[in-house]
Amino acid sequence: MKENKYDNEQFFAAYSQFPRSVEGQSAAGEWHELKKMLPDFKGKRVLDIGCGFGWHCLYAAERGAAKVVGTDISEKMLKVAKEKTKYPNVEYRQLAMEDLDFPTDSFDVVLSSLAFHYTPDFSEVCGRISKCLRSGGDFVFSVEHPVFTALGTQEWVYDQAGVASHWPVDHYFTEGRREAVFLGETVVKYHKTLTTYLNTLLQTGFAITEIVEPRPAPELLETVLGMKDELRRPMMLLVAAKKQEGR
């Protein structure tokens, strides 16, 4: 259940050439919206779950975070993150999100970018986050949108001329395992409804403060191939929440 496709040599090589892997947040279509949802990092203890190449860890450190811990299941991803990181208060740990076990009140901010659709048990992960996040602390994350993950194939339907005619949504209410082809490899993800994402937060002690279905940054529409099609359906879901006092 803890798939680690990112340590596959062929997949990792392809992923390393992906625009957001090379250029970081500037090539991420959702970043212009996500960064507005992030709290003030100055003096904060920050946890980044599924940190990948460490872009968000560096962003927090650059903005005065007192301590940043990035976790990821991929040894290869963490190797690159460590090579890029010069801040002594940033550390990385190879750890699956389902195995998070930090002491109570360890962090003031928890972040996660495009990781939670890889876990079959979002509730378990949220419970572990709630434990290590202080009361009143911030929890901000992005996931692939349920409209994007519902069918599983994650591919447009094309007409006879080879033009993308529409995005298929089917089996929306049937949650669970999906298989998609990404960068030439079969990748396992876990579809969850919007209701599940939001209610799980409420049930594990969080108050939702903002929800965004981001459109791509305008400057990327002309420079990134296929980005204009991202205006036709939501690809991502961004959520900001706070741990309720006394939870």
Foldseek 3Di string as FASTA:
>chain_A
DQDDCCQPPLVVVLVCPPVCNPPNLVLDQCSVPQVVQDDQQAQWEEEEEQCFLPRVVVVSVVRHHQAYEYEAQHPVRVVNNVVPDDDPRYYYDNDHLLPQADAAQQGQEYEYEADQQADQCPLSSLLSVLRHHAAFGKYKYKHWALQQPQVQQSDADADPVRHRDGRDHPNSVVWAWHWYQDSNDIDIGIHDHPCCVVVSQVVNQKDWDDKDQDQGDPVVVPPPPPSVCCVVDGGMIITMIGGHPPD
